[in-house]
């Protein structure tokens, strides 16, 4: 399971980058890390969380 930025970078980019290093930050931006790749991971995670919450709410409502 990918939980840390370090793990997500490794999975998406094939390597990890020290984002405090200006050159590495620039590399990260150039590959779409801030505008495409990481937002996609966050969006997918949020969608999954909402789906699970709604499923549990429906199950709870059906038991009433």
PDB file of N, CA and C in Angstrom:
ATOM      1  N   UNK A   1       0.846  -1.176   0.000  1.00  0.00           N
ATOM      2  CA  UNK A   1       0.000   0.000   0.000  1.00  0.00           C
ATOM      3  C   UNK A   1       0.893   1.241   0.000  1.00  0.00           C
ATOM      4  N   UNK A   2       0.527   2.189  -0.816  1.00  0.00           N
ATOM      5  CA  UNK A   2       1.309   3.421  -0.920  1.00  0.00           C
ATOM      6  C   UNK A   2       0.740   4.458   0.044  1.00  0.00           C
ATOM      7  N   UNK A   3       1.497   4.784   1.070  1.00  0.00           N
ATOM      8  CA  UNK A   3       1.019   5.725   2.068  1.00  0.00           C
ATOM      9  C   UNK A   3       1.873   6.977   2.181  1.00  0.00           C
ATOM     10  N   UNK A   4       3.116   6.863   1.825  1.00  0.00           N
ATOM     11  CA  UNK A   4       4.035   7.986   1.995  1.00  0.00           C
ATOM     12  C   UNK A   4       4.395   8.587   0.637  1.00  0.00           C
ATOM     13  N   UNK A   5       4.663   9.869   0.651  1.00  0.00           N
ATOM     14  CA  UNK A   5       5.075  10.554  -0.576  1.00  0.00           C
ATOM     15  C   UNK A   5       6.257   9.819  -1.207  1.00  0.00           C
ATOM     16  N   UNK A   6       7.190   9.394  -0.393  1.00  0.00           N
ATOM     17  CA  UNK A   6       8.376   8.656  -0.849  1.00  0.00           C
ATOM     18  C   UNK A   6       7.956   7.428  -1.667  1.00  0.00           C
ATOM     19  N   UNK A   7       6.993   6.661  -1.148  1.00  0.00           N
ATOM     20  CA  UNK A   7       6.528   5.449  -1.832  1.00  0.00           C
ATOM     21  C   UNK A   7       5.789   5.784  -3.130  1.00  0.00           C
ATOM     22  N   UNK A   8       4.992   6.824  -3.085  1.00  0.00           N
ATOM     23  CA  UNK A   8       4.225   7.233  -4.269  1.00  0.00           C
ATOM     24  C   UNK A   8       5.179   7.699  -5.368  1.00  0.00           C
ATOM     25  N   UNK A   9       6.187   8.477  -5.002  1.00  0.00           N
ATOM     26  CA  UNK A   9       7.184   8.912  -5.985  1.00  0.00           C
ATOM     27  C   UNK A   9       7.855   7.710  -6.632  1.00  0.00           C
ATOM     28  N   UNK A  10       8.247   6.745  -5.814  1.00  0.00           N
ATOM     29  CA  UNK A  10       8.932   5.554  -6.334  1.00  0.00           C
ATOM     30  C   UNK A  10       8.035   4.815  -7.318  1.00  0.00           C
ATOM     31  N   UNK A  11       6.757   4.695  -6.984  1.00  0.00           N
ATOM     32  CA  UNK A  11       5.819   3.980  -7.847  1.00  0.00           C
ATOM     33  C   UNK A  11       5.546   4.745  -9.148  1.00  0.00           C
ATOM     34  N   UNK A  12       5.328   6.044  -9.043  1.00  0.00           N
ATOM     35  CA  UNK A  12       4.969   6.842 -10.217  1.00  0.00           C
ATOM     36  C   UNK A  12       6.158   7.239 -11.083  1.00  0.00           C
ATOM     37  N   UNK A  13       7.271   7.537 -10.432  1.00  0.00           N
ATOM     38  CA  UNK A  13       8.418   8.086 -11.155  1.00  0.00           C
ATOM     39  C   UNK A  13       9.573   7.104 -11.305  1.00  0.00           C
ATOM     40  N   UNK A  14       9.507   6.001 -10.569  1.00  0.00           N
ATOM     41  CA  UNK A  14      10.587   5.035 -10.603  1.00  0.00           C
ATOM     42  C   UNK A  14      11.772   5.426  -9.741  1.00  0.00           C
ATOM     43  N   UNK A  15      11.646   6.534  -9.030  1.00  0.00           N
ATOM     44  CA  UNK A  15      12.705   7.006  -8.141  1.00  0.00           C
ATOM     45  C   UNK A  15      12.101   7.979  -7.142  1.00  0.00           C
ATOM     46  N   UNK A  16      12.852   8.274  -6.110  1.00  0.00           N
ATOM     47  CA  UNK A  16      12.402   9.269  -5.143  1.00  0.00           C
ATOM     48  C   UNK A  16      13.232  10.532  -5.332  1.00  0.00           C
ATOM     49  N   UNK A  17      12.620  11.638  -5.003  1.00  0.00           N
ATOM     50  CA  UNK A  17      13.293  12.929  -5.162  1.00  0.00           C
ATOM     51  C   UNK A  17      13.261  13.683  -3.841  1.00  0.00           C
ATOM     52  N   UNK A  18      14.363  14.329  -3.507  1.00  0.00           N
ATOM     53  CA  UNK A  18      14.421  15.195  -2.332  1.00  0.00           C
ATOM     54  C   UNK A  18      13.807  16.530  -2.744  1.00  0.00           C
ATOM     55  N   UNK A  19      12.546  16.732  -2.375  1.00  0.00           N
ATOM     56  CA  UNK A  19      11.830  17.920  -2.847  1.00  0.00           C
ATOM     57  C   UNK A  19      12.289  19.207  -2.175  1.00  0.00           C
ATOM     58  N   UNK A  20      13.170  19.099  -1.190  1.00  0.00           N
ATOM     59  CA  UNK A  20      13.764  20.297  -0.595  1.00  0.00           C
ATOM     60  C   UNK A  20      14.954  20.800  -1.408  1.00  0.00           C
ATOM     61  N   UNK A  21      15.461  19.966  -2.291  1.00  0.00           N
ATOM     62  CA  UNK A  21      16.555  20.337  -3.188  1.00  0.00           C
ATOM     63  C   UNK A  21      15.936  21.047  -4.394  1.00  0.00           C
ATOM     64  N   UNK A  22      16.299  22.313  -4.642  1.00  0.00           N
ATOM     65  CA  UNK A  22      15.681  23.068  -5.738  1.00  0.00           C
ATOM     66  C   UNK A  22      15.751  22.363  -7.098  1.00  0.00           C
ATOM     67  N   UNK A  23      16.851  21.699  -7.398  1.00  0.00           N
ATOM     68  CA  UNK A  23      16.992  20.994  -8.680  1.00  0.00           C
ATOM     69  C   UNK A  23      16.026  19.812  -8.735  1.00  0.00           C
ATOM     70  N   UNK A  24      15.931  19.068  -7.638  1.00  0.00           N
ATOM     71  CA  UNK A  24      15.020  17.916  -7.601  1.00  0.00           C
ATOM     72  C   UNK A  24      13.570  18.374  -7.645  1.00  0.00           C
ATOM     73  N   UNK A  25      13.272  19.503  -7.004  1.00  0.00           N
ATOM     74  CA  UNK A  25      11.920  20.057  -7.054  1.00  0.00           C
ATOM     75  C   UNK A  25      11.567  20.422  -8.496  1.00  0.00           C
ATOM     76  N   UNK A  26      12.506  21.028  -9.186  1.00  0.00           N
ATOM     77  CA  UNK A  26      12.298  21.377 -10.599  1.00  0.00           C
ATOM     78  C   UNK A  26      12.061  20.123 -11.433  1.00  0.00           C
ATOM     79  N   UNK A  27      12.836  19.066 -11.190  1.00  0.00           N
ATOM     80  CA  UNK A  27      12.637  17.789 -11.893  1.00  0.00           C
ATOM     81  C   UNK A  27      11.229  17.255 -11.631  1.00  0.00           C
ATOM     82  N   UNK A  28      10.814  17.313 -10.380  1.00  0.00           N
ATOM     83  CA  UNK A  28       9.483  16.845  -9.974  1.00  0.00           C
ATOM     84  C   UNK A  28       8.398  17.620 -10.728  1.00  0.00           C
ATOM     85  N   UNK A  29       8.553  18.932 -10.799  1.00  0.00           N
ATOM     86  CA  UNK A  29       7.582  19.768 -11.521  1.00  0.00           C
ATOM     87  C   UNK A  29       7.584  19.447 -13.008  1.00  0.00           C
ATOM     88  N   UNK A  30       8.753  19.237 -13.573  1.00  0.00           N
ATOM     89  CA  UNK A  30       8.876  18.977 -15.009  1.00  0.00           C
ATOM     90  C   UNK A  30       8.240  17.670 -15.448  1.00  0.00           C
ATOM     91  N   UNK A  31       8.160  16.683 -14.549  1.00  0.00           N
ATOM     92  CA  UNK A  31       7.529  15.409 -14.909  1.00  0.00           C
ATOM     93  C   UNK A  31       6.039  15.396 -14.552  1.00  0.00           C
ATOM     94  N   UNK A  32       5.513  16.540 -14.117  1.00  0.00           N
ATOM     95  CA  UNK A  32       4.094  16.627 -13.798  1.00  0.00           C
ATOM     96  C   UNK A  32       3.741  16.103 -12.420  1.00  0.00           C
ATOM     97  N   UNK A  33       4.725  16.001 -11.550  1.00  0.00           N
ATOM     98  CA  UNK A  33       4.476  15.474 -10.213  1.00  0.00           C
ATOM     99  C   UNK A  33       3.479  16.287  -9.421  1.00  0.00           C
ATOM    100  N   UNK A  34       3.559  17.601  -9.544  1.00  0.00           N
ATOM    101  CA  UNK A  34       2.689  18.484  -8.748  1.00  0.00           C
ATOM    102  C   UNK A  34       1.361  18.774  -9.439  1.00  0.00           C
ATOM    103  N   UNK A  35       1.322  18.657 -10.742  1.00  0.00           N
ATOM    104  CA  UNK A  35       0.104  19.023 -11.475  1.00  0.00           C
ATOM    105  C   UNK A  35      -0.698  17.837 -11.975  1.00  0.00           C
ATOM    106  N   UNK A  36      -0.077  16.672 -12.088  1.00  0.00           N
ATOM    107  CA  UNK A  36      -0.759  15.517 -12.671  1.00  0.00           C
ATOM    108  C   UNK A  36      -0.656  14.271 -11.808  1.00  0.00           C
ATOM    109  N   UNK A  37       0.549  13.826 -11.549  1.00  0.00           N
ATOM    110  CA  UNK A  37       0.752  12.510 -10.928  1.00  0.00           C
ATOM    111  C   UNK A  37       0.243  12.438  -9.489  1.00  0.00           C
ATOM    112  N   UNK A  38       0.736  13.286  -8.611  1.00  0.00           N
ATOM    113  CA  UNK A  38       0.303  13.238  -7.214  1.00  0.00           C
ATOM    114  C   UNK A  38      -1.167  13.632  -7.047  1.00  0.00           C
ATOM    115  N   UNK A  39      -1.661  14.642  -7.764  1.00  0.00           N
ATOM    116  CA  UNK A  39      -3.091  14.933  -7.643  1.00  0.00           C
ATOM    117  C   UNK A  39      -3.968  13.752  -8.068  1.00  0.00           C
ATOM    118  N   UNK A  40      -3.521  12.964  -9.024  1.00  0.00           N
ATOM    119  CA  UNK A  40      -4.283  11.783  -9.433  1.00  0.00           C
ATOM    120  C   UNK A  40      -4.365  10.776  -8.279  1.00  0.00           C
ATOM    121  N   UNK A  41      -3.254  10.583  -7.579  1.00  0.00           N
ATOM    122  CA  UNK A  41      -3.238   9.663  -6.434  1.00  0.00           C
ATOM    123  C   UNK A  41      -4.169  10.172  -5.338  1.00  0.00           C
ATOM    124  N   UNK A  42      -4.074  11.454  -5.031  1.00  0.00           N
ATOM    125  CA  UNK A  42      -4.922  12.038  -3.990  1.00  0.00           C
ATOM    126  C   UNK A  42      -6.393  11.951  -4.389  1.00  0.00           C
ATOM    127  N   UNK A  43      -6.702  12.247  -5.631  1.00  0.00           N
ATOM    128  CA  UNK A  43      -8.081  12.174  -6.111  1.00  0.00           C
ATOM    129  C   UNK A  43      -8.634  10.760  -6.045  1.00  0.00           C
ATOM    130  N   UNK A  44      -7.844   9.798  -6.456  1.00  0.00           N
ATOM    131  CA  UNK A  44      -8.281   8.397  -6.394  1.00  0.00           C
ATOM    132  C   UNK A  44      -8.514   7.964  -4.957  1.00  0.00           C
ATOM    133  N   UNK A  45      -7.640   8.380  -4.070  1.00  0.00           N
ATOM    134  CA  UNK A  45      -7.784   8.034  -2.654  1.00  0.00           C
ATOM    135  C   UNK A  45      -9.037   8.667  -2.062  1.00  0.00           C
ATOM    136  N   UNK A  46      -9.285   9.914  -2.389  1.00  0.00           N
ATOM    137  CA  UNK A  46     -10.479  10.592  -1.881  1.00  0.00           C
ATOM    138  C   UNK A  46     -11.744   9.929  -2.417  1.00  0.00           C
ATOM    139  N   UNK A  47     -11.745   9.578  -3.693  1.00  0.00           N
ATOM    140  CA  UNK A  47     -12.911   8.914  -4.285  1.00  0.00           C
ATOM    141  C   UNK A  47     -13.165   7.575  -3.598  1.00  0.00           C
ATOM    142  N   UNK A  48     -12.127   6.811  -3.360  1.00  0.00           N
ATOM    143  CA  UNK A  48     -12.271   5.521  -2.688  1.00  0.00           C
ATOM    144  C   UNK A  48     -12.816   5.708  -1.269  1.00  0.00           C
ATOM    145  N   UNK A  49     -12.291   6.688  -0.556  1.00  0.00           N
ATOM    146  CA  UNK A  49     -12.770   6.957   0.806  1.00  0.00           C
ATOM    147  C   UNK A  49     -14.257   7.306   0.804  1.00  0.00           C
ATOM    148  N   UNK A  50     -14.681   8.154  -0.116  1.00  0.00           N
ATOM    149  CA  UNK A  50     -16.098   8.533  -0.196  1.00  0.00           C
ATOM    150  C   UNK A  50     -16.958   7.324  -0.546  1.00  0.00           C
ATOM    151  N   UNK A  51     -16.513   6.504  -1.480  1.00  0.00           N
ATOM    152  CA  UNK A  51     -17.274   5.305  -1.851  1.00  0.00           C
ATOM    153  C   UNK A  51     -17.457   4.380  -0.653  1.00  0.00           C
ATOM    154  N   UNK A  52     -16.388   4.197   0.134  1.00  0.00           N
ATOM    155  CA  UNK A  52     -16.481   3.332   1.309  1.00  0.00           C
ATOM    156  C   UNK A  52     -17.415   3.917   2.366  1.00  0.00           C
ATOM    157  N   UNK A  53     -17.319   5.212   2.582  1.00  0.00           N
ATOM    158  CA  UNK A  53     -18.200   5.870   3.551  1.00  0.00           C
ATOM    159  C   UNK A  53     -19.648   5.751   3.125  1.00  0.00           C
ATOM    160  N   UNK A  54     -19.941   6.017   1.853  1.00  0.00           N
ATOM    161  CA  UNK A  54     -21.323   5.921   1.367  1.00  0.00           C
ATOM    162  C   UNK A  54     -21.846   4.491   1.458  1.00  0.00           C
ATOM    163  N   UNK A  55     -21.009   3.522   1.167  1.00  0.00           N
ATOM    164  CA  UNK A  55     -21.413   2.123   1.272  1.00  0.00           C
ATOM    165  C   UNK A  55     -21.790   1.784   2.711  1.00  0.00           C
ATOM    166  N   UNK A  56     -20.970   2.199   3.656  1.00  0.00           N
ATOM    167  CA  UNK A  56     -21.259   1.945   5.072  1.00  0.00           C
ATOM    168  C   UNK A  56     -22.526   2.665   5.512  1.00  0.00           C
ATOM    169  N   UNK A  57     -22.730   3.867   5.028  1.00  0.00           N
ATOM    170  CA  UNK A  57     -23.943   4.617   5.380  1.00  0.00           C
ATOM    171  C   UNK A  57     -25.184   3.902   4.844  1.00  0.00           C
ATOM    172  N   UNK A  58     -25.107   3.407   3.600  1.00  0.00           N
ATOM    173  CA  UNK A  58     -26.237   2.681   3.022  1.00  0.00           C
ATOM    174  C   UNK A  58     -26.517   1.391   3.775  1.00  0.00           C
ATOM    175  N   UNK A  59     -25.453   0.681   4.162  1.00  0.00           N
ATOM    176  CA  UNK A  59     -25.619  -0.550   4.934  1.00  0.00           C
ATOM    177  C   UNK A  59     -26.281  -0.263   6.275  1.00  0.00           C
ATOM    178  N   UNK A  60     -25.863   0.796   6.920  1.00  0.00           N
ATOM    179  CA  UNK A  60     -26.409   1.183   8.205  1.00  0.00           C
ATOM    180  C   UNK A  60     -27.883   1.574   8.059  1.00  0.00           C
ATOM    181  N   UNK A  61     -28.193   2.308   6.995  1.00  0.00           N
ATOM    182  CA  UNK A  61     -29.576   2.730   6.729  1.00  0.00           C
ATOM    183  C   UNK A  61     -30.463   1.534   6.416  1.00  0.00           C
ATOM    184  N   UNK A  62     -29.944   0.546   5.718  1.00  0.00           N
ATOM    185  CA  UNK A  62     -30.723  -0.644   5.357  1.00  0.00           C
ATOM    186  C   UNK A  62     -31.055  -1.491   6.582  1.00  0.00           C
ATOM    187  N   UNK A  63     -30.267  -1.413   7.627  1.00  0.00           N
ATOM    188  CA  UNK A  63     -30.507  -2.177   8.852  1.00  0.00           C
ATOM    189  C   UNK A  63     -31.612  -1.572   9.704  1.00  0.00           C
ATOM    190  N   UNK A  64     -31.998  -0.349   9.445  1.00  0.00           N
ATOM    191  CA  UNK A  64     -33.029   0.323  10.256  1.00  0.00           C
ATOM    192  C   UNK A  64     -34.410  -0.201   9.937  1.00  0.00           C
TER     193      UNK A  64
END
